[in-house]
């Protein structure tokens, strides 16, 4: 299968495997701090979690996935399978995590079949090899047929350097793009808050399809333009719904593309919709931007239909709902009428990091 790699962002490495083999523990070990929830109950990780790794002068992104049970057609396990499938499609290479203490499991072989269908380069990480006696048990995993099989203990850090070296040897080369002087702004927000309308207003061109149906924009779209003497790149990301077991694979893919769009930006412009208060989804967007070290601006959109609501009142609403983000600048605007648009440029100059 021909694999398309996006060279504008660091390559993605997906951690996959059946439930409870230590994928989240390995994820936390590789990124160097605890992000994924680690618990003995199988299936704790249901959503994809991303982190950045720098090793041997090489950067790559890591994604932790839920436990895969191939062939399951119903329930939460089938939803997890959709997420894992999308993560595998995006990934440059995959880490197949297996458990030496359980031995080769038929489900490991089923996961292997899934990976082979995608035509991915696979490194087998034989986990929980906590002592020399257990090392003997790693040989049976060679039967999975992959060239790279590495013994590790994610809990104790054994073999992690060898695993990182193998990853770096197998991922595509990535060189961070030079600073072109552009300010990249990722426009994010829940579906139908007016992201595409704002892009069209800023660029003066109907480059993005605008529709009243939530979720019209599924993929991230880059638009370069010059505004008041400065060069900008707008990244119009896909809308994100509240997490739901009924989400489709396209929704999962949209979430991933939003994350990737944020990673490529200098500044994140989170659009909120007047007069509605911020939601938990909005809070998650802000946390994602701040954890990635990005500047963040709150764009209070559709201010032309705010009615009697004052800016002071809405600021208080935002600060009450988003106590951790009360320091962020707020721009009151209307993508439809152009009200407040110049303030985006001024705020982006202040916020660029």
Foldseek 3Di string as FASTA:
>chain_A
DDADADQQDAAEEEEAAAWQLCQQLLVCLQQVHHDDDDDNDTFSFQAKDKHWHADPNGIHMYIYAHGAQPPDDDDSNNLSNLLSLLSLNRGQAYEYEHELVVADDVSSLVVLVSNVVSVHQYAYEHEPCPDPVSVVSQVVVVVSPHDHYFYAYSVVGPRSVVVVVVVVVRGDGHDHDDCPQAAEEEEAEAWQQCLQLLVCLVAVHNPDDDDNDTFPDQAWDWDWDADPRGIYIYTHATHADDDDSPDGSSNSNSVVRSLVSLLSGQEYEYEDEPPDADDVVSLVVVVSNVVSVHFYEYEDEPLVPNPPDDPVNSLVRHCVVNVVCNVHHYFYAYSNPGPRVVVVVVSSVVRGD
